[in-house]
Each structure stands twice: as C-alpha cells, then as structure tokens.
C-alpha cells in the first residue's frame, strides 16, 4: 500500500513542502501526502525507471508480482458482484455486510441531530459516506488499488440500499431492534412509496455500474503494469 524501504539514489527528489525524499515516479509525498509532481510526470518517471532496469539487464523487464496479485484480486470481486446481481434481495455478504450494517446504524445517530427525515436517511448516507471517504483518502495518497477497492465497496453498498428500498412495502427484511423501516418512511414522506421496485432496481443498477467500473480500473491497471517492455532490437 505505502512506499517502504530506502530510496534509490539518483532518481529521488525532496518534497517542496516537508523536505522528504521521494522517488521521481511518486505523484504524492509519502510523508505529508501533498502533490510533488504531475500524474503525467510520475507515470513518465516510472516508465523510464522500468526501461532503465530492462536496459541494464539486456532483457525484457519482468512483470511485477504485484500486478498479477491485483489482477487476481479482481476475480472474487467479479464473483461477488455477479452474486449480488443474480441473488436479488436475499444477497448478504458475510462480515462485509455486518460492517456496512454497523456504519448504517451509526449514521442514524450521527445524522439524527438534523431532524427526523435526515435521521432516517442517515443510515443510507453513512453507508455511502465512509467508503467514499476511504476512496478519496487512498486517491490522495496515490494508492490506486486501495482506492479502487473502496470504490467497489461503495457500489456494494448501493446494492444493499437497493435491496432495502425495494422492501419498503413488503417489509420482509429483518430490522435491527425493530422500529420503523427507513425506506418506508422516506418513500412515504416523498410520495414515492408506489415506486419501491423501480427505486430499488435503480440503486442496484447504480451499484453494478460502480462495482464493474472499479473492477475494470483494477484489471486495466494490472494489465498495464504486467506488460513487459522489450528493449532488444
């Protein structure tokens, strides 16, 4: 996730903000996380470093093991996303959805200070807020793989929200501690209670789009990193 180990000599530069030495291919400082070079410059430096290593060895640059590991990590994400698409409102991902539920319930408490409507909406807002906070945090640090995992997590939460919204009339899903069904209240208050199925499907489709977008980003980046550079004539 983070840059470790000693810096290579000759291809590092100090951060103009904190003075920390950073590799030329790093877009953000590893200490203060502020931008130290443009994305284009960082990508060019990374490519030049890979080319220099290949020239020194007089053979194609080997694909980094991390690229294959990231590509492999996309496989379970694809399977889970397909399961969410096909299983309908009975899909539940063990451990992950317990974490989502904890964030959901915390959202009712956090947003409960802003009135009754926001109180009921707060669970949904919290389910989306925390994955997005993690996404932007890792993006700011230049850790693209971790950011895309959090982006996929956001999409998975959209699936859950869709299942919950579609249940507003039937109310078959168990509620933590009983009480009022969030989406029954929200859709009744907004006059949309007759469109529960449509709203649920819209959330599910949005979730699928975000999940597959994140998976596509992971795979495309892994393919670029795994592609060897042949420097031989």
Protein backbone atom coordinates (compact mmCIF):
# COMPACT_ATOMS: atom_id res chain seq x y z
CA UNK A 1 0.00 0.00 0.00
CA UNK A 2 2.67 2.50 1.07
CA UNK A 3 6.18 3.12 -0.13
CA UNK A 4 8.72 1.41 2.08
CA UNK A 5 12.43 0.73 2.03
CA UNK A 6 15.32 3.04 1.17
CA UNK A 7 15.04 5.49 -1.68
CA UNK A 8 17.05 4.77 -4.83
CA UNK A 9 19.89 7.22 -5.32
CA UNK A 10 19.83 9.48 -8.34
CA UNK A 11 16.11 9.28 -9.07
CA UNK A 12 14.61 10.89 -5.98
CA UNK A 13 13.82 14.48 -5.13
CA UNK A 14 12.84 16.41 -1.99
CA UNK A 15 9.24 17.36 -1.31
CA UNK A 16 8.93 21.17 -1.60
CA UNK A 17 6.55 21.15 1.38
CA UNK A 18 8.26 18.97 4.01
CA UNK A 19 11.65 18.05 2.52
CA UNK A 20 11.03 14.29 2.48
CA UNK A 21 12.89 12.48 -0.31
CA UNK A 22 10.52 10.85 -2.80
CA UNK A 23 11.06 8.66 -5.85
CA UNK A 24 10.61 10.52 -9.13
CA UNK A 25 7.65 8.33 -10.09
CA UNK A 26 5.72 9.27 -6.94
CA UNK A 27 2.88 11.73 -7.51
CA UNK A 28 2.27 12.45 -3.80
CA UNK A 29 4.76 12.83 -0.96
CA UNK A 30 4.93 9.69 1.16
CA UNK A 31 5.19 11.77 4.34
CA UNK A 32 2.86 14.78 4.02
CA UNK A 33 0.77 13.38 1.12
CA UNK A 34 0.93 16.66 -0.82
CA UNK A 35 1.38 16.58 -4.60
CA UNK A 36 5.04 16.71 -5.59
CA UNK A 37 4.69 16.10 -9.34
CA UNK A 38 2.01 15.82 -12.01
CA UNK A 39 0.46 12.44 -12.78
CA UNK A 40 1.99 12.57 -16.26
CA UNK A 41 5.48 13.27 -14.90
CA UNK A 42 5.16 10.48 -12.33
CA UNK A 43 4.00 7.99 -14.98
CA UNK A 44 6.85 9.02 -17.29
CA UNK A 45 9.41 8.61 -14.49
CA UNK A 46 8.04 5.17 -13.67
CA UNK A 47 8.27 4.12 -17.33
CA UNK A 48 11.82 5.47 -17.60
CA UNK A 49 12.85 3.56 -14.48
CA UNK A 50 11.39 0.34 -15.88
CA UNK A 51 13.16 0.92 -19.20
CA UNK A 52 16.48 1.64 -17.48
CA UNK A 53 16.21 -1.60 -15.50
CA UNK A 54 15.47 -3.54 -18.68
CA UNK A 55 18.44 -1.99 -20.49
CA UNK A 56 20.75 -2.81 -17.61
CA UNK A 57 19.67 -6.46 -17.70
CA UNK A 58 19.54 -6.54 -21.53
CA UNK A 59 16.22 -8.40 -21.41
CA UNK A 60 12.51 -7.57 -21.24
CA UNK A 61 11.50 -6.05 -17.93
CA UNK A 62 9.74 -8.66 -15.80
CA UNK A 63 6.15 -8.06 -14.89
CA UNK A 64 5.92 -7.07 -11.20
CA UNK A 65 4.36 -9.70 -8.95
CA UNK A 66 2.04 -7.04 -7.53
CA UNK A 67 0.38 -6.63 -10.93
CA UNK A 68 -0.62 -10.29 -11.03
CA UNK A 69 -1.78 -10.17 -7.42
CA UNK A 70 -4.02 -7.18 -8.15
CA UNK A 71 -5.46 -8.87 -11.23
CA UNK A 72 -6.19 -11.98 -9.14
CA UNK A 73 -7.91 -9.83 -6.51
CA UNK A 74 -10.43 -8.75 -9.15
CA UNK A 75 -11.72 -12.32 -9.52
CA UNK A 76 -13.57 -12.55 -6.16
CA UNK A 77 -14.89 -9.03 -6.70
CA UNK A 78 -16.39 -10.12 -10.03
CA UNK A 79 -17.95 -13.22 -8.43
CA UNK A 80 -19.45 -11.24 -5.55
CA UNK A 81 -20.84 -8.60 -7.92
CA UNK A 82 -22.46 -11.28 -10.09
CA UNK A 83 -23.89 -12.90 -6.96
CA UNK A 84 -25.42 -9.56 -5.94
CA UNK A 85 -26.93 -9.14 -9.40
CA UNK A 86 -28.42 -12.63 -9.55
CA UNK A 87 -29.42 -13.27 -5.93
CA UNK A 88 -31.84 -10.34 -5.67
CA UNK A 89 -32.90 -9.13 -2.25
CA UNK A 90 -31.58 -12.23 -0.46
CA UNK A 91 -27.91 -11.43 -1.08
CA UNK A 92 -25.82 -10.95 2.07
CA UNK A 93 -22.01 -10.88 2.14
CA UNK A 94 -20.81 -12.24 5.48
CA UNK A 95 -18.59 -9.92 7.57
CA UNK A 96 -18.63 -7.14 4.95
CA UNK A 97 -22.35 -6.53 5.31
CA UNK A 98 -22.07 -6.69 9.10
CA UNK A 99 -19.57 -3.83 8.79
CA UNK A 100 -21.96 -2.00 6.47
CA UNK A 101 -24.77 -2.52 8.99
CA UNK A 102 -22.64 -1.01 11.76
CA UNK A 103 -21.97 2.07 9.64
CA UNK A 104 -25.67 2.24 8.76
CA UNK A 105 -26.78 2.25 12.38
CA UNK A 106 -24.07 4.76 13.31
CA UNK A 107 -25.42 7.04 10.60
CA UNK A 108 -28.80 7.24 12.33
CA UNK A 109 -27.06 8.52 15.45
CA UNK A 110 -24.73 10.94 13.64
CA UNK A 111 -27.36 12.46 11.36
CA UNK A 112 -30.16 12.24 13.90
CA UNK A 113 -29.36 15.75 15.10
CA UNK A 114 -30.59 17.23 11.80
CA UNK A 115 -34.26 16.31 12.03
CA UNK A 116 -36.48 13.27 11.58
CA UNK A 117 -36.16 12.92 7.79
CA UNK A 118 -32.34 13.14 7.86
CA UNK A 119 -32.34 10.72 10.80
CA UNK A 120 -33.98 8.02 8.65
CA UNK A 121 -31.87 8.94 5.64
CA UNK A 122 -28.71 8.98 7.76
CA UNK A 123 -28.21 5.20 7.66
CA UNK A 124 -28.07 5.26 3.87
CA UNK A 125 -25.85 8.35 3.81
CA UNK A 126 -23.42 6.74 6.24
CA UNK A 127 -23.21 3.55 4.16
CA UNK A 128 -22.02 5.62 1.21
CA UNK A 129 -20.02 8.24 3.09
CA UNK A 130 -17.38 6.03 4.71
CA UNK A 131 -16.39 4.03 1.61
CA UNK A 132 -16.12 7.30 -0.31
CA UNK A 133 -14.01 8.89 2.43
CA UNK A 134 -11.65 5.90 2.22
CA UNK A 135 -11.65 6.13 -1.60
CA UNK A 136 -10.58 9.79 -1.62
CA UNK A 137 -8.07 9.19 1.19
CA UNK A 138 -6.25 6.49 -0.79
CA UNK A 139 -6.53 8.50 -4.01
CA UNK A 140 -4.84 11.42 -2.26
CA UNK A 141 -2.04 9.11 -1.16
CA UNK A 142 -1.61 7.78 -4.69
CA UNK A 143 -2.63 4.22 -3.67
CA UNK A 144 -4.83 3.41 -6.64
CA UNK A 145 -5.50 -0.24 -5.86
CA UNK A 146 -6.76 0.51 -2.34
CA UNK A 147 -8.84 3.40 -3.70
CA UNK A 148 -10.50 1.13 -6.26
CA UNK A 149 -11.30 -1.49 -3.60
CA UNK A 150 -13.11 1.27 -1.70
CA UNK A 151 -14.86 2.34 -4.89
CA UNK A 152 -16.10 -1.24 -5.32
CA UNK A 153 -17.20 -1.21 -1.67
CA UNK A 154 -19.28 1.90 -2.43
CA UNK A 155 -21.01 0.02 -5.24
CA UNK A 156 -21.67 -2.96 -2.99
CA UNK A 157 -23.38 -0.64 -0.54
CA UNK A 158 -25.56 0.73 -3.34
CA UNK A 159 -26.76 -2.84 -3.91
CA UNK A 160 -27.70 -3.11 -0.22
CA UNK A 161 -29.53 0.20 -0.31
CA UNK A 162 -31.45 -1.02 -3.36
CA UNK A 163 -32.50 -4.22 -1.55
CA UNK A 164 -33.67 -2.16 1.43
CA UNK A 165 -35.56 0.38 -0.68
CA UNK A 166 -37.33 -2.36 -2.67
CA UNK A 167 -38.52 -3.86 0.63
CA UNK A 168 -40.34 -0.68 1.70
CA UNK A 169 -43.82 -2.12 1.03
CA UNK A 170 -43.26 -5.83 1.70
CA UNK A 171 -41.10 -5.20 4.82
CA UNK A 172 -39.73 -8.75 4.79
CA UNK A 173 -36.15 -7.84 5.75
CA UNK A 174 -35.39 -8.06 9.49
CA UNK A 175 -34.83 -4.70 11.20
CA UNK A 176 -32.20 -4.20 13.88
CA UNK A 177 -34.12 -3.54 17.08
CA UNK A 178 -37.43 -3.35 15.20
CA UNK A 179 -38.94 0.09 14.75
CA UNK A 180 -39.77 1.96 11.55
CA UNK A 181 -38.49 0.74 8.19
CA UNK A 182 -36.21 3.54 6.91
CA UNK A 183 -37.30 3.39 3.30
CA UNK A 184 -40.98 3.02 4.11
CA UNK A 185 -40.73 6.32 5.95
CA UNK A 186 -38.55 8.00 3.29
CA UNK A 187 -40.63 6.96 0.29
CA UNK A 188 -43.91 7.73 2.05
CA UNK A 189 -42.62 11.18 3.03
CA UNK A 190 -41.56 11.91 -0.55
CA UNK A 191 -44.68 10.43 -2.17
CA UNK A 192 -42.72 7.68 -3.92
CA UNK A 193 -43.94 4.67 -1.97
CA UNK A 194 -45.65 3.22 -5.07
CA UNK A 195 -42.30 3.13 -6.91
CA UNK A 196 -40.35 0.97 -4.46
CA UNK A 197 -39.41 -1.71 -7.01
CA UNK A 198 -38.25 0.87 -9.55
CA UNK A 199 -36.16 2.74 -6.98
CA UNK A 200 -34.67 -0.50 -5.67
CA UNK A 201 -33.65 -1.57 -9.20
CA UNK A 202 -32.18 1.87 -9.88
CA UNK A 203 -29.94 1.58 -6.81
CA UNK A 204 -28.94 -1.97 -7.80
CA UNK A 205 -28.04 -0.92 -11.34
CA UNK A 206 -26.02 2.01 -9.99
CA UNK A 207 -24.26 -0.43 -7.64
CA UNK A 208 -23.45 -2.79 -10.52
CA UNK A 209 -22.09 0.10 -12.60
CA UNK A 210 -19.82 1.32 -9.79
CA UNK A 211 -18.62 -2.21 -8.94
CA UNK A 212 -17.74 -3.08 -12.53
CA UNK A 213 -16.13 0.35 -13.02
CA UNK A 214 -13.86 -0.31 -10.03
CA UNK A 215 -13.07 -3.84 -11.25
CA UNK A 216 -12.28 -2.50 -14.72
CA UNK A 217 -9.87 0.05 -13.24
CA UNK A 218 -8.09 -2.66 -11.23
CA UNK A 219 -7.74 -5.02 -14.21
CA UNK A 220 -6.68 -2.36 -16.73
CA UNK A 221 -4.01 -1.01 -14.38
CA UNK A 222 -2.74 -4.52 -13.62
CA UNK A 223 -2.51 -5.30 -17.35
CA UNK A 224 -0.51 -2.12 -17.98
CA UNK A 225 1.87 -2.94 -15.14
CA UNK A 226 2.24 -6.59 -16.15
CA UNK A 227 3.06 -5.83 -19.79
CA UNK A 228 6.84 -6.35 -20.17
CA UNK A 229 8.98 -3.80 -22.01
CA UNK A 230 11.18 -5.47 -24.63
CA UNK A 231 14.19 -3.24 -25.23
CA UNK A 232 16.05 -5.60 -27.53
CA UNK A 233 16.44 -4.62 -31.20
